C-alpha atoms as a PDB file:
ATOM      1  CA  MET A   1     -22.764   6.960   5.595  1.00  0.00           C
ATOM      2  CA  THR A   2     -20.246   6.415   2.823  1.00  0.00           C
ATOM      3  CA  SER A   3     -18.985   9.563   1.086  1.00  0.00           C
ATOM      4  CA  MET A   4     -18.846   9.096  -2.681  1.00  0.00           C
ATOM      5  CA  THR A   5     -16.542  11.762  -4.138  1.00  0.00           C
ATOM      6  CA  ARG A   6     -16.776  13.016  -7.696  1.00  0.00           C
ATOM      7  CA  LEU A   7     -14.342  11.659 -10.246  1.00  0.00           C
ATOM      8  CA  ILE A   8     -10.926  13.311 -10.039  1.00  0.00           C
ATOM      9  CA  GLY A   9      -8.879  14.089 -13.114  1.00  0.00           C
ATOM     10  CA  LEU A  10      -5.708  16.148 -13.227  1.00  0.00           C
ATOM     11  CA  GLY A  11      -7.872  19.234 -12.738  1.00  0.00           C
ATOM     12  CA  GLY A  12      -8.601  17.817  -9.272  1.00  0.00           C
ATOM     13  CA  MET A  13      -4.865  17.784  -8.636  1.00  0.00           C
ATOM     14  CA  ILE A  14      -4.716  21.540  -9.194  1.00  0.00           C
ATOM     15  CA  VAL A  15      -7.484  22.077  -6.662  1.00  0.00           C
ATOM     16  CA  ILE A  16      -5.816  19.863  -4.078  1.00  0.00           C
ATOM     17  CA  ALA A  17      -2.370  21.415  -4.570  1.00  0.00           C
ATOM     18  CA  SER A  18      -3.692  24.942  -4.308  1.00  0.00           C
ATOM     19  CA  CYS A  19      -5.086  24.274  -0.815  1.00  0.00           C
ATOM     20  CA  GLY A  20      -1.817  24.672   1.074  1.00  0.00           C
ATOM     21  CA  GLN A  21       0.468  22.849  -1.381  1.00  0.00           C
ATOM     22  CA  LEU A  22       0.481  19.644   0.623  1.00  0.00           C
ATOM     23  CA  LEU A  23       3.678  18.186  -0.749  1.00  0.00           C
ATOM     24  CA  ALA A  24       6.516  18.946   1.653  1.00  0.00           C
ATOM     25  CA  ALA A  25       9.319  20.861   0.032  1.00  0.00           C
ATOM     26  CA  ASP A  26      11.779  21.483   2.902  1.00  0.00           C
ATOM     27  CA  GLY A  27      11.527  18.302   5.030  1.00  0.00           C
ATOM     28  CA  LEU A  28      13.981  15.461   4.895  1.00  0.00           C
ATOM     29  CA  ALA A  29      13.252  11.769   4.950  1.00  0.00           C
ATOM     30  CA  GLY A  30      15.564   9.396   6.812  1.00  0.00           C
ATOM     31  CA  ILE A  31      15.746   5.672   6.172  1.00  0.00           C
ATOM     32  CA  GLU A  32      16.541   2.777   8.468  1.00  0.00           C
ATOM     33  CA  LYS A  33      15.987  -0.971   8.227  1.00  0.00           C
ATOM     34  CA  ARG A  34      15.243  -3.517  10.878  1.00  0.00           C
ATOM     35  CA  SER A  35      14.874  -7.292  11.054  1.00  0.00           C
ATOM     36  CA  VAL A  36      11.774  -8.365  12.955  1.00  0.00           C
ATOM     37  CA  VAL A  37      11.088 -11.876  14.176  1.00  0.00           C
ATOM     38  CA  SER A  38       7.805 -13.277  12.897  1.00  0.00           C
ATOM     39  CA  ASP A  39       6.593 -16.336  14.765  1.00  0.00           C
ATOM     40  CA  GLU A  40       3.746 -16.931  12.325  1.00  0.00           C
ATOM     41  CA  ARG A  41       5.989 -16.680   9.270  1.00  0.00           C
ATOM     42  CA  GLU A  42       8.735 -18.708  10.982  1.00  0.00           C
ATOM     43  CA  THR A  43      11.235 -16.273   9.473  1.00  0.00           C
ATOM     44  CA  ASP A  44      12.401 -12.712   9.994  1.00  0.00           C
ATOM     45  CA  LEU A  45      10.658  -9.781   8.389  1.00  0.00           C
ATOM     46  CA  ASP A  46      12.695  -7.110   6.603  1.00  0.00           C
ATOM     47  CA  VAL A  47      11.186  -3.809   7.739  1.00  0.00           C
ATOM     48  CA  THR A  48      11.943  -0.473   6.087  1.00  0.00           C
ATOM     49  CA  ILE A  49      11.348   2.721   8.084  1.00  0.00           C
ATOM     50  CA  TRP A  50      11.158   6.220   6.622  1.00  0.00           C
ATOM     51  CA  TYR A  51      11.048   9.018   9.169  1.00  0.00           C
ATOM     52  CA  PRO A  52      11.301  12.825   9.514  1.00  0.00           C
ATOM     53  CA  ALA A  53      15.028  13.517   9.590  1.00  0.00           C
ATOM     54  CA  ALA A  54      17.338  16.255  10.724  1.00  0.00           C
ATOM     55  CA  GLU A  55      20.175  17.491   8.500  1.00  0.00           C
ATOM     56  CA  ALA A  56      22.773  14.746   8.220  1.00  0.00           C
ATOM     57  CA  GLY A  57      23.184  11.270   6.857  1.00  0.00           C
ATOM     58  CA  GLU A  58      24.218   9.776   3.559  1.00  0.00           C
ATOM     59  CA  THR A  59      21.968  10.191   0.529  1.00  0.00           C
ATOM     60  CA  VAL A  60      20.863   6.809  -0.818  1.00  0.00           C
ATOM     61  CA  THR A  61      18.567   5.804  -3.691  1.00  0.00           C
ATOM     62  CA  LEU A  62      15.752   3.367  -2.931  1.00  0.00           C
ATOM     63  CA  GLY A  63      13.586   1.249  -5.182  1.00  0.00           C
ATOM     64  CA  GLU A  64      15.667   1.601  -8.358  1.00  0.00           C
ATOM     65  CA  ASN A  65      15.957  -1.321 -10.812  1.00  0.00           C
ATOM     66  CA  ILE A  66      16.162  -1.870 -14.558  1.00  0.00           C
ATOM     67  CA  PHE A  67      12.555  -0.746 -14.972  1.00  0.00           C
ATOM     68  CA  PHE A  68      11.964   2.020 -12.420  1.00  0.00           C
ATOM     69  CA  GLU A  69      13.600   5.175 -11.126  1.00  0.00           C
ATOM     70  CA  GLY A  70      14.520   5.314  -7.494  1.00  0.00           C
ATOM     71  CA  THR A  71      13.769   7.827  -4.723  1.00  0.00           C
ATOM     72  CA  GLU A  72      16.359   9.479  -2.504  1.00  0.00           C
ATOM     73  CA  ALA A  73      16.423   9.435   1.299  1.00  0.00           C
ATOM     74  CA  ARG A  74      18.980  10.011   4.028  1.00  0.00           C
ATOM     75  CA  GLN A  75      20.541   6.889   5.592  1.00  0.00           C
ATOM     76  CA  GLY A  76      21.840   7.361   9.111  1.00  0.00           C
ATOM     77  CA  ALA A  77      20.227  10.754   9.629  1.00  0.00           C
ATOM     78  CA  PRO A  78      18.999  11.495  13.169  1.00  0.00           C
ATOM     79  CA  ILE A  79      15.260  11.683  13.633  1.00  0.00           C
ATOM     80  CA  ARG A  80      13.812  15.166  14.109  1.00  0.00           C
ATOM     81  CA  ASP A  81      12.740  16.249  17.592  1.00  0.00           C
ATOM     82  CA  GLY A  82       9.059  15.635  18.312  1.00  0.00           C
ATOM     83  CA  THR A  83       6.493  12.873  18.186  1.00  0.00           C
ATOM     84  CA  PHE A  84       4.999  11.690  14.924  1.00  0.00           C
ATOM     85  CA  PRO A  85       2.041   9.599  13.718  1.00  0.00           C
ATOM     86  CA  ILE A  86       2.792   6.178  12.240  1.00  0.00           C
ATOM     87  CA  VAL A  87       1.734   5.051   8.782  1.00  0.00           C
ATOM     88  CA  LEU A  88       1.972   1.278   8.313  1.00  0.00           C
ATOM     89  CA  LEU A  89       2.594   0.666   4.602  1.00  0.00           C
ATOM     90  CA  SER A  90       1.734  -2.520   2.735  1.00  0.00           C
ATOM     91  CA  HIS A  91       3.157  -3.068  -0.749  1.00  0.00           C
ATOM     92  CA  GLY A  92       1.686  -5.064  -3.648  1.00  0.00           C
ATOM     93  CA  ALA A  93       2.988  -8.255  -5.237  1.00  0.00           C
ATOM     94  CA  GLY A  94       5.123  -8.890  -8.314  1.00  0.00           C
ATOM     95  CA  LEU A  95       7.356  -6.069  -9.552  1.00  0.00           C
ATOM     96  CA  ALA A  96       6.216  -3.876  -6.650  1.00  0.00           C
ATOM     97  CA  GLY A  97       6.488  -6.665  -4.128  1.00  0.00           C
ATOM     98  CA  ARG A  98       8.913  -5.119  -1.668  1.00  0.00           C
ATOM     99  CA  ALA A  99       8.864  -2.187   0.694  1.00  0.00           C
ATOM    100  CA  GLU A 100      11.453  -0.040  -1.133  1.00  0.00           C
ATOM    101  CA  ALA A 101       9.304  -0.013  -4.275  1.00  0.00           C
ATOM    102  CA  MET A 102       6.921   2.229  -2.364  1.00  0.00           C
ATOM    103  CA  SER A 103       9.549   4.896  -1.662  1.00  0.00           C
ATOM    104  CA  TRP A 104       7.962   7.321  -4.117  1.00  0.00           C
ATOM    105  CA  ILE A 105       5.031   7.684  -1.673  1.00  0.00           C
ATOM    106  CA  ALA A 106       6.775   6.830   1.612  1.00  0.00           C
ATOM    107  CA  VAL A 107       9.456   9.533   1.304  1.00  0.00           C
ATOM    108  CA  PRO A 108       6.951  12.449   0.962  1.00  0.00           C
ATOM    109  CA  LEU A 109       4.995  11.118   3.917  1.00  0.00           C
ATOM    110  CA  ALA A 110       8.150  11.056   6.025  1.00  0.00           C
ATOM    111  CA  GLU A 111       9.135  14.528   4.870  1.00  0.00           C
ATOM    112  CA  ASP A 112       5.726  15.739   5.943  1.00  0.00           C
ATOM    113  CA  GLY A 113       6.049  14.399   9.491  1.00  0.00           C
ATOM    114  CA  PHE A 114       4.990  10.747   9.535  1.00  0.00           C
ATOM    115  CA  ILE A 115       6.976   7.648  10.512  1.00  0.00           C
ATOM    116  CA  VAL A 116       6.354   5.152   7.728  1.00  0.00           C
ATOM    117  CA  VAL A 117       6.842   1.465   8.618  1.00  0.00           C
ATOM    118  CA  ALA A 118       6.779  -1.128   5.828  1.00  0.00           C
ATOM    119  CA  PRO A 119       7.491  -4.840   6.135  1.00  0.00           C
ATOM    120  CA  THR A 120       8.445  -6.693   2.971  1.00  0.00           C
ATOM    121  CA  HIS A 121       5.867  -9.451   2.860  1.00  0.00           C
ATOM    122  CA  PRO A 122       7.718 -12.758   2.341  1.00  0.00           C
ATOM    123  CA  GLY A 123       7.093 -14.663  -0.828  1.00  0.00           C
ATOM    124  CA  ASN A 124       5.934 -11.748  -2.923  1.00  0.00           C
ATOM    125  CA  THR A 125       8.893 -10.935  -5.151  1.00  0.00           C
ATOM    126  CA  GLY A 126      12.492 -11.632  -6.197  1.00  0.00           C
ATOM    127  CA  ARG A 127      14.161 -14.914  -5.332  1.00  0.00           C
ATOM    128  CA  ASP A 128      11.619 -15.376  -2.548  1.00  0.00           C
ATOM    129  CA  ARG A 129       8.674 -15.269  -5.025  1.00  0.00           C
ATOM    130  CA  SER A 130       6.102 -17.922  -4.293  1.00  0.00           C
ATOM    131  CA  ALA A 131       2.498 -18.150  -5.562  1.00  0.00           C
ATOM    132  CA  GLU A 132       1.464 -20.084  -2.464  1.00  0.00           C
ATOM    133  CA  GLU A 133       2.990 -17.592  -0.035  1.00  0.00           C
ATOM    134  CA  THR A 134       1.644 -14.633  -2.008  1.00  0.00           C
ATOM    135  CA  MET A 135      -1.907 -15.986  -1.762  1.00  0.00           C
ATOM    136  CA  LYS A 136      -1.722 -16.351   2.037  1.00  0.00           C
ATOM    137  CA  LEU A 137      -3.372 -12.954   2.304  1.00  0.00           C
ATOM    138  CA  TRP A 138      -4.170 -13.395   6.001  1.00  0.00           C
ATOM    139  CA  LEU A 139      -0.440 -13.261   6.874  1.00  0.00           C
ATOM    140  CA  ARG A 140       0.082  -9.758   5.488  1.00  0.00           C
ATOM    141  CA  PRO A 141      -1.913  -7.933   8.203  1.00  0.00           C
ATOM    142  CA  SER A 142      -0.008  -9.966  10.780  1.00  0.00           C
ATOM    143  CA  ASP A 143       3.239  -8.699   9.225  1.00  0.00           C
ATOM    144  CA  LEU A 144       2.039  -5.130   9.724  1.00  0.00           C
ATOM    145  CA  SER A 145       1.056  -5.709  13.314  1.00  0.00           C
ATOM    146  CA  GLN A 146       4.376  -7.333  14.135  1.00  0.00           C
ATOM    147  CA  ALA A 147       6.260  -4.459  12.504  1.00  0.00           C
ATOM    148  CA  LEU A 148       4.254  -2.083  14.646  1.00  0.00           C
ATOM    149  CA  ASP A 149       5.093  -4.084  17.743  1.00  0.00           C
ATOM    150  CA  ALA A 150       8.778  -3.796  16.921  1.00  0.00           C
ATOM    151  CA  ILE A 151       8.730  -0.046  16.347  1.00  0.00           C
ATOM    152  CA  GLY A 152       6.975   0.433  19.684  1.00  0.00           C
ATOM    153  CA  LYS A 153       9.984  -1.215  21.377  1.00  0.00           C
ATOM    154  CA  ASP A 154      12.740   0.251  19.218  1.00  0.00           C
ATOM    155  CA  PRO A 155      14.979   2.566  21.261  1.00  0.00           C
ATOM    156  CA  THR A 156      15.512   4.900  18.292  1.00  0.00           C
ATOM    157  CA  PHE A 157      11.855   5.348  17.302  1.00  0.00           C
ATOM    158  CA  HIS A 158       9.824   4.586  20.459  1.00  0.00           C
ATOM    159  CA  PRO A 159      10.365   8.041  22.051  1.00  0.00           C
ATOM    160  CA  HIS A 160       9.109   9.697  18.822  1.00  0.00           C
ATOM    161  CA  VAL A 161       5.989   7.575  18.184  1.00  0.00           C
ATOM    162  CA  ALA A 162       2.517   9.055  18.780  1.00  0.00           C
ATOM    163  CA  SER A 163       1.068   5.709  19.803  1.00  0.00           C
ATOM    164  CA  ASP A 164      -2.512   6.959  19.681  1.00  0.00           C
ATOM    165  CA  ARG A 165      -2.188   8.080  16.036  1.00  0.00           C
ATOM    166  CA  ILE A 166      -1.589   5.046  13.875  1.00  0.00           C
ATOM    167  CA  GLY A 167      -2.882   4.521  10.359  1.00  0.00           C
ATOM    168  CA  VAL A 168      -2.306   2.054   7.513  1.00  0.00           C
ATOM    169  CA  LEU A 169      -1.823   2.603   3.777  1.00  0.00           C
ATOM    170  CA  GLY A 170      -1.941  -0.180   1.221  1.00  0.00           C
ATOM    171  CA  LEU A 171      -1.444  -0.324  -2.515  1.00  0.00           C
ATOM    172  CA  SER A 172      -2.861  -3.119  -4.713  1.00  0.00           C
ATOM    173  CA  MET A 173      -2.690  -6.343  -2.691  1.00  0.00           C
ATOM    174  CA  GLY A 174      -1.439  -4.138   0.097  1.00  0.00           C
ATOM    175  CA  GLY A 175      -4.810  -2.343  -0.072  1.00  0.00           C
ATOM    176  CA  ASN A 176      -6.505  -5.654   0.682  1.00  0.00           C
ATOM    177  CA  SER A 177      -4.146  -5.983   3.669  1.00  0.00           C
ATOM    178  CA  ALA A 178      -4.832  -2.453   4.884  1.00  0.00           C
ATOM    179  CA  LEU A 179      -8.563  -3.062   4.910  1.00  0.00           C
ATOM    180  CA  SER A 180      -8.069  -6.391   6.732  1.00  0.00           C
ATOM    181  CA  THR A 181      -6.140  -4.511   9.423  1.00  0.00           C
ATOM    182  CA  VAL A 182      -9.239  -2.493  10.324  1.00  0.00           C
ATOM    183  CA  GLY A 183     -11.656  -5.436  10.288  1.00  0.00           C
ATOM    184  CA  ALA A 184     -12.466  -6.498   6.732  1.00  0.00           C
ATOM    185  CA  ARG A 185     -12.569 -10.277   6.555  1.00  0.00           C
ATOM    186  CA  LEU A 186     -12.038 -12.486   3.550  1.00  0.00           C
ATOM    187  CA  ASP A 187     -14.914 -14.736   2.442  1.00  0.00           C
ATOM    188  CA  PRO A 188     -13.400 -18.271   2.466  1.00  0.00           C
ATOM    189  CA  GLU A 189     -15.609 -19.441  -0.390  1.00  0.00           C
ATOM    190  CA  LEU A 190     -14.964 -16.438  -2.596  1.00  0.00           C
ATOM    191  CA  PHE A 191     -11.263 -16.801  -1.897  1.00  0.00           C
ATOM    192  CA  ALA A 192     -11.291 -20.504  -2.731  1.00  0.00           C
ATOM    193  CA  GLY A 193     -12.928 -19.940  -6.103  1.00  0.00           C
ATOM    194  CA  TYR A 194     -10.952 -16.811  -7.022  1.00  0.00           C
ATOM    195  CA  CYS A 195      -8.781 -18.514  -9.615  1.00  0.00           C
ATOM    196  CA  ASP A 196     -11.145 -21.251 -10.784  1.00  0.00           C
ATOM    197  CA  THR A 197     -11.570 -19.589 -14.225  1.00  0.00           C
ATOM    198  CA  GLY A 198      -8.652 -17.210 -14.208  1.00  0.00           C
ATOM    199  CA  GLU A 199     -10.936 -14.387 -15.425  1.00  0.00           C
ATOM    200  CA  SER A 200     -10.859 -12.472 -12.116  1.00  0.00           C
ATOM    201  CA  ASN A 201      -7.156 -11.767 -12.307  1.00  0.00           C
ATOM    202  CA  PRO A 202      -5.529 -13.397 -15.370  1.00  0.00           C
ATOM    203  CA  SER A 203      -1.919 -12.406 -14.547  1.00  0.00           C
ATOM    204  CA  LEU A 204      -2.027 -13.504 -10.924  1.00  0.00           C
ATOM    205  CA  CYS A 205      -4.205 -16.590 -11.459  1.00  0.00           C
ATOM    206  CA  SER A 206      -2.164 -17.965 -14.349  1.00  0.00           C
ATOM    207  CA  TRP A 207       0.854 -17.893 -12.016  1.00  0.00           C
ATOM    208  CA  VAL A 208      -1.159 -19.525  -9.204  1.00  0.00           C
ATOM    209  CA  GLN A 209      -2.423 -22.269 -11.539  1.00  0.00           C
ATOM    210  CA  GLN A 210       0.957 -22.915 -13.175  1.00  0.00           C
ATOM    211  CA  SER A 211       2.504 -23.191  -9.705  1.00  0.00           C
ATOM    212  CA  GLY A 212       0.030 -25.943  -8.799  1.00  0.00           C
ATOM    213  CA  VAL A 213      -1.518 -23.946  -5.942  1.00  0.00           C
ATOM    214  CA  ASP A 214      -5.059 -25.026  -5.031  1.00  0.00           C
ATOM    215  CA  LEU A 215      -6.853 -22.210  -3.222  1.00  0.00           C
ATOM    216  CA  HIS A 216      -9.648 -24.641  -2.273  1.00  0.00           C
ATOM    217  CA  ALA A 217      -7.157 -26.668  -0.193  1.00  0.00           C
ATOM    218  CA  MET A 218      -6.132 -23.681   1.999  1.00  0.00           C
ATOM    219  CA  ASP A 219      -7.341 -23.643   5.575  1.00  0.00           C
ATOM    220  CA  LYS A 220     -10.697 -21.778   5.528  1.00  0.00           C
ATOM    221  CA  SER A 221     -10.440 -20.903   9.236  1.00  0.00           C
ATOM    222  CA  LEU A 222      -7.260 -19.012   8.466  1.00  0.00           C
ATOM    223  CA  VAL A 223      -8.601 -17.413   5.304  1.00  0.00           C
ATOM    224  CA  GLY A 224     -11.642 -16.010   7.111  1.00  0.00           C
ATOM    225  CA  ARG A 225     -10.054 -15.051  10.407  1.00  0.00           C
ATOM    226  CA  ASP A 226     -10.209 -11.585  11.999  1.00  0.00           C
ATOM    227  CA  ASN A 227      -6.928  -9.730  11.331  1.00  0.00           C
ATOM    228  CA  SER A 228      -7.978  -6.390  12.852  1.00  0.00           C
ATOM    229  CA  ASP A 229      -5.524  -4.423  14.945  1.00  0.00           C
ATOM    230  CA  PRO A 230      -7.281  -2.033  17.389  1.00  0.00           C
ATOM    231  CA  ARG A 231      -4.308   0.307  17.386  1.00  0.00           C
ATOM    232  CA  VAL A 232      -5.007   1.294  13.769  1.00  0.00           C
ATOM    233  CA  ARG A 233      -7.318   4.345  13.659  1.00  0.00           C
ATOM    234  CA  PHE A 234      -7.452   5.031   9.893  1.00  0.00           C
ATOM    235  CA  ALA A 235      -6.995   3.027   6.727  1.00  0.00           C
ATOM    236  CA  MET A 236      -6.375   4.082   3.113  1.00  0.00           C
ATOM    237  CA  ALA A 237      -6.413   1.603   0.243  1.00  0.00           C
ATOM    238  CA  ILE A 238      -5.331   2.479  -3.339  1.00  0.00           C
ATOM    239  CA  ASP A 239      -6.692   0.001  -5.914  1.00  0.00           C
ATOM    240  CA  PRO A 240      -7.171  -2.731  -3.283  1.00  0.00           C
ATOM    241  CA  ALA A 241      -6.787  -6.214  -4.834  1.00  0.00           C
ATOM    242  CA  PRO A 242      -8.607  -8.451  -4.655  1.00  0.00           C
ATOM    243  CA  ALA A 243     -11.511  -6.204  -3.732  1.00  0.00           C
ATOM    244  CA  ASP A 244     -14.174  -8.771  -4.555  1.00  0.00           C
ATOM    245  CA  ILE A 245     -13.458 -11.500  -2.016  1.00  0.00           C
ATOM    246  CA  PHE A 246     -14.374  -9.730   1.217  1.00  0.00           C
ATOM    247  CA  ALA A 247     -17.272 -10.936   3.383  1.00  0.00           C
ATOM    248  CA  LEU A 248     -19.608  -7.948   3.014  1.00  0.00           C
ATOM    249  CA  SER A 249     -21.077  -8.519   6.455  1.00  0.00           C
ATOM    250  CA  SER A 250     -17.693  -7.781   8.041  1.00  0.00           C
ATOM    251  CA  LEU A 251     -17.452  -4.382   6.362  1.00  0.00           C
ATOM    252  CA  ALA A 252     -20.440  -2.991   8.197  1.00  0.00           C
ATOM    253  CA  ASP A 253     -18.608  -3.420  11.517  1.00  0.00           C
ATOM    254  CA  ILE A 254     -15.574  -1.344  10.558  1.00  0.00           C
ATOM    255  CA  SER A 255     -15.641   1.560  13.046  1.00  0.00           C
ATOM    256  CA  VAL A 256     -12.716   3.705  11.902  1.00  0.00           C
ATOM    257  CA  PRO A 257     -12.569   6.094   8.922  1.00  0.00           C
ATOM    258  CA  VAL A 258     -11.494   4.514   5.637  1.00  0.00           C
ATOM    259  CA  SER A 259     -10.414   6.098   2.369  1.00  0.00           C
ATOM    260  CA  ILE A 260     -10.506   4.050  -0.823  1.00  0.00           C
ATOM    261  CA  VAL A 261      -9.136   5.186  -4.166  1.00  0.00           C
ATOM    262  CA  ASN A 262      -9.522   3.487  -7.567  1.00  0.00           C
ATOM    263  CA  LEU A 263      -7.212   4.238 -10.491  1.00  0.00           C
ATOM    264  CA  GLY A 264      -8.777   4.570 -13.925  1.00  0.00           C
ATOM    265  CA  PRO A 265     -12.171   5.271 -15.517  1.00  0.00           C
ATOM    266  CA  PRO A 266     -14.931   3.316 -13.639  1.00  0.00           C
ATOM    267  CA  SER A 267     -16.150   1.692 -16.816  1.00  0.00           C
ATOM    268  CA  GLU A 268     -12.646   0.205 -17.390  1.00  0.00           C
ATOM    269  CA  LEU A 269     -11.980  -1.062 -13.843  1.00  0.00           C
ATOM    270  CA  PRO A 270     -11.783  -4.875 -13.592  1.00  0.00           C
ATOM    271  CA  GLU A 271     -14.283  -6.307 -11.125  1.00  0.00           C
ATOM    272  CA  THR A 272     -11.482  -7.488  -8.842  1.00  0.00           C
ATOM    273  CA  LEU A 273     -10.280  -3.885  -8.445  1.00  0.00           C
ATOM    274  CA  ARG A 274     -13.648  -2.086  -8.489  1.00  0.00           C
ATOM    275  CA  ALA A 275     -13.967  -0.960  -4.869  1.00  0.00           C
ATOM    276  CA  SER A 276     -17.076   1.260  -4.937  1.00  0.00           C
ATOM    277  CA  GLY A 277     -19.245  -1.583  -3.627  1.00  0.00           C
ATOM    278  CA  ILE A 278     -17.070  -2.359  -0.607  1.00  0.00           C
ATOM    279  CA  ALA A 279     -16.827   1.342   0.162  1.00  0.00           C
ATOM    280  CA  LYS A 280     -20.607   1.622   0.240  1.00  0.00           C
ATOM    281  CA  ALA A 281     -20.706  -1.228   2.755  1.00  0.00           C
ATOM    282  CA  MET A 282     -18.431   0.583   5.246  1.00  0.00           C
ATOM    283  CA  PRO A 283     -20.047   3.144   7.595  1.00  0.00           C
ATOM    284  CA  LEU A 284     -17.188   5.672   7.497  1.00  0.00           C
ATOM    285  CA  ALA A 285     -15.690   5.192   4.033  1.00  0.00           C
ATOM    286  CA  ASP A 286     -14.792   7.804   1.494  1.00  0.00           C
ATOM    287  CA  TYR A 287     -14.429   6.694  -2.133  1.00  0.00           C
ATOM    288  CA  GLN A 288     -12.567   8.500  -4.885  1.00  0.00           C
ATOM    289  CA  VAL A 289     -11.505   7.753  -8.467  1.00  0.00           C
ATOM    290  CA  VAL A 290      -8.455   9.111 -10.268  1.00  0.00           C
ATOM    291  CA  GLU A 291      -9.603   8.731 -13.866  1.00  0.00           C
ATOM    292  CA  ASP A 292      -6.297   9.668 -15.497  1.00  0.00           C
ATOM    293  CA  ALA A 293      -4.410   6.844 -13.806  1.00  0.00           C
ATOM    294  CA  SER A 294      -4.143   3.094 -14.210  1.00  0.00           C
ATOM    295  CA  HIS A 295      -3.272   0.226 -11.852  1.00  0.00           C
ATOM    296  CA  ALA A 296       0.331   0.530 -13.113  1.00  0.00           C
ATOM    297  CA  SER A 297       0.455   4.111 -11.805  1.00  0.00           C
ATOM    298  CA  MET A 298       1.374   2.626  -8.421  1.00  0.00           C
ATOM    299  CA  PHE A 299       4.783   1.698  -9.807  1.00  0.00           C
ATOM    300  CA  ALA A 300       7.634   4.177  -9.575  1.00  0.00           C
ATOM    301  CA  GLU A 301       8.372   6.282 -12.681  1.00  0.00           C
ATOM    302  CA  CYS A 302       9.674   4.183 -15.587  1.00  0.00           C
ATOM    303  CA  LYS A 303      13.158   4.507 -16.952  1.00  0.00           C
ATOM    304  CA  PRO A 304      13.587   5.122 -20.706  1.00  0.00           C
ATOM    305  CA  ASN A 305      12.826   1.952 -22.704  1.00  0.00           C
ATOM    306  CA  ALA A 306      11.544   0.172 -19.613  1.00  0.00           C
ATOM    307  CA  ALA A 307       8.381  -0.985 -21.432  1.00  0.00           C
ATOM    308  CA  GLU A 308      10.462  -2.582 -24.177  1.00  0.00           C
ATOM    309  CA  ILE A 309      12.802  -4.199 -21.635  1.00  0.00           C
ATOM    310  CA  ALA A 310       9.817  -5.619 -19.807  1.00  0.00           C
ATOM    311  CA  LEU A 311       8.505  -7.276 -23.002  1.00  0.00           C
ATOM    312  CA  GLU A 312      11.951  -8.726 -23.662  1.00  0.00           C
ATOM    313  CA  GLU A 313      11.842 -10.169 -20.131  1.00  0.00           C
ATOM    314  CA  GLY A 314       8.475 -11.776 -20.823  1.00  0.00           C
ATOM    315  CA  ILE A 315       6.448  -9.296 -18.783  1.00  0.00           C
ATOM    316  CA  GLU A 316       3.240  -8.669 -20.758  1.00  0.00           C
ATOM    317  CA  ASP A 317       1.546  -6.306 -18.243  1.00  0.00           C
ATOM    318  CA  PRO A 318       1.806  -2.652 -19.320  1.00  0.00           C
ATOM    319  CA  ILE A 319       4.008  -1.487 -16.464  1.00  0.00           C
ATOM    320  CA  CYS A 320       4.638   1.951 -17.894  1.00  0.00           C
ATOM    321  CA  THR A 321       1.121   2.762 -19.180  1.00  0.00           C
ATOM    322  CA  ASP A 322      -0.954   5.350 -17.319  1.00  0.00           C
ATOM    323  CA  GLY A 323      -4.199   7.066 -18.340  1.00  0.00           C
ATOM    324  CA  GLU A 324      -4.384   9.075 -21.547  1.00  0.00           C
ATOM    325  CA  GLY A 325      -2.740  12.453 -21.377  1.00  0.00           C
ATOM    326  CA  ALA A 326      -1.375  12.086 -17.833  1.00  0.00           C
ATOM    327  CA  SER A 327       2.253  11.573 -16.859  1.00  0.00           C
ATOM    328  CA  ARG A 328       3.154   9.223 -14.060  1.00  0.00           C
ATOM    329  CA  ALA A 329       4.897  12.081 -12.273  1.00  0.00           C
ATOM    330  CA  ALA A 330       1.674  14.147 -12.301  1.00  0.00           C
ATOM    331  CA  ILE A 331      -0.385  11.173 -11.100  1.00  0.00           C
ATOM    332  CA  HIS A 332       2.090  10.484  -8.292  1.00  0.00           C
ATOM    333  CA  ARG A 333       1.954  14.092  -7.187  1.00  0.00           C
ATOM    334  CA  GLN A 334      -1.836  13.904  -7.059  1.00  0.00           C
ATOM    335  CA  LEU A 335      -1.834  10.643  -5.104  1.00  0.00           C
ATOM    336  CA  ILE A 336       0.796  11.954  -2.681  1.00  0.00           C
ATOM    337  CA  ASP A 337      -1.238  15.093  -2.068  1.00  0.00           C
ATOM    338  CA  MET A 338      -4.389  13.058  -1.516  1.00  0.00           C
ATOM    339  CA  THR A 339      -2.636  10.677   0.843  1.00  0.00           C
ATOM    340  CA  ILE A 340      -0.982  13.351   2.933  1.00  0.00           C
ATOM    341  CA  ALA A 341      -4.242  15.226   3.190  1.00  0.00           C
ATOM    342  CA  ALA A 342      -6.138  12.052   4.278  1.00  0.00           C
ATOM    343  CA  PHE A 343      -3.618  11.100   6.957  1.00  0.00           C
ATOM    344  CA  ARG A 344      -3.322  14.666   8.262  1.00  0.00           C
ATOM    345  CA  LYS A 345      -7.090  14.840   8.580  1.00  0.00           C
ATOM    346  CA  SER A 346      -7.384  11.516  10.395  1.00  0.00           C
ATOM    347  CA  LEU A 347      -4.132  11.397  12.421  1.00  0.00           C
ATOM    348  CA  GLY A 348      -2.973  14.987  12.684  1.00  0.00           C
ATOM    349  CA  GLY A 349       0.592  16.171  12.233  1.00  0.00           C
ATOM    350  CA  GLU A 350       3.775  16.007  14.240  1.00  0.00           C
ATOM    351  CA  GLY A 351       3.641  17.023  17.911  1.00  0.00           C
END
């Protein structure tokens, strides 16, 4: 039966932090990159890997741009002795549409003893940005599986992989991908009509419509296919988007534990992000809400004047706005603690 957790404000962060102070303080995170061949994409995937590192390496800053602060990791550092669970990480689209943008949550996971593997999904950001490719949601779980295949064969990481302890973490559109990896299927009809009015997701759908992309014309057999990977034993989705185009019948068959987190007061959550309904449909799902956050809380911390710069660049979404009275740093600390606790519970720690 689904576990429905009480609403969590910053007071909940204090409770979580007091139970063992889950954020790692002394660990180091290494960073490596790989290029992985994707037959389905017909291009190579850029894969970023954060891992528990020994003392050494060059300090580099990841994910920094004109809007957001970066996060430090050690490039070229040797991996620590031992075996470690894997966390596959799926990013969102738009400004957070690349693996390095998730460094704020990937680095603490690596410091705590997880190997974090994140493909940059093609077509989601930068010069490669494409509305058509972004909406091919069924390709994202395939990217994750192919990245996992590559890590399993990589001479550096293979000896340190606990192959029976693999989980997936997704943020925003990456949350949709994470759930697909454990068996959630898209409903082809709901997908096709998602942008008919633009009300479901005005920012995304206006881009889709302006780009001339017709979701009704996409191959329904691909949209509704099974993307599950039996190697994945736990999934966590933070503000999964879209959350309202899954085939509910497929959710009942998900046989692994799932943790779903929504960001913001329930009364203010858009229908396309409101995930309480899909959580109820999963046999082993836990659902939590961080009321003091917003969907933008998944971005890295904003630089001074980033909000003003975004408006000058024509970005109308409030990329630096969190919940009332909460700093993004505090929200990130809470989400990191929650995430580490969830993956420790489901996958265990380093061996």
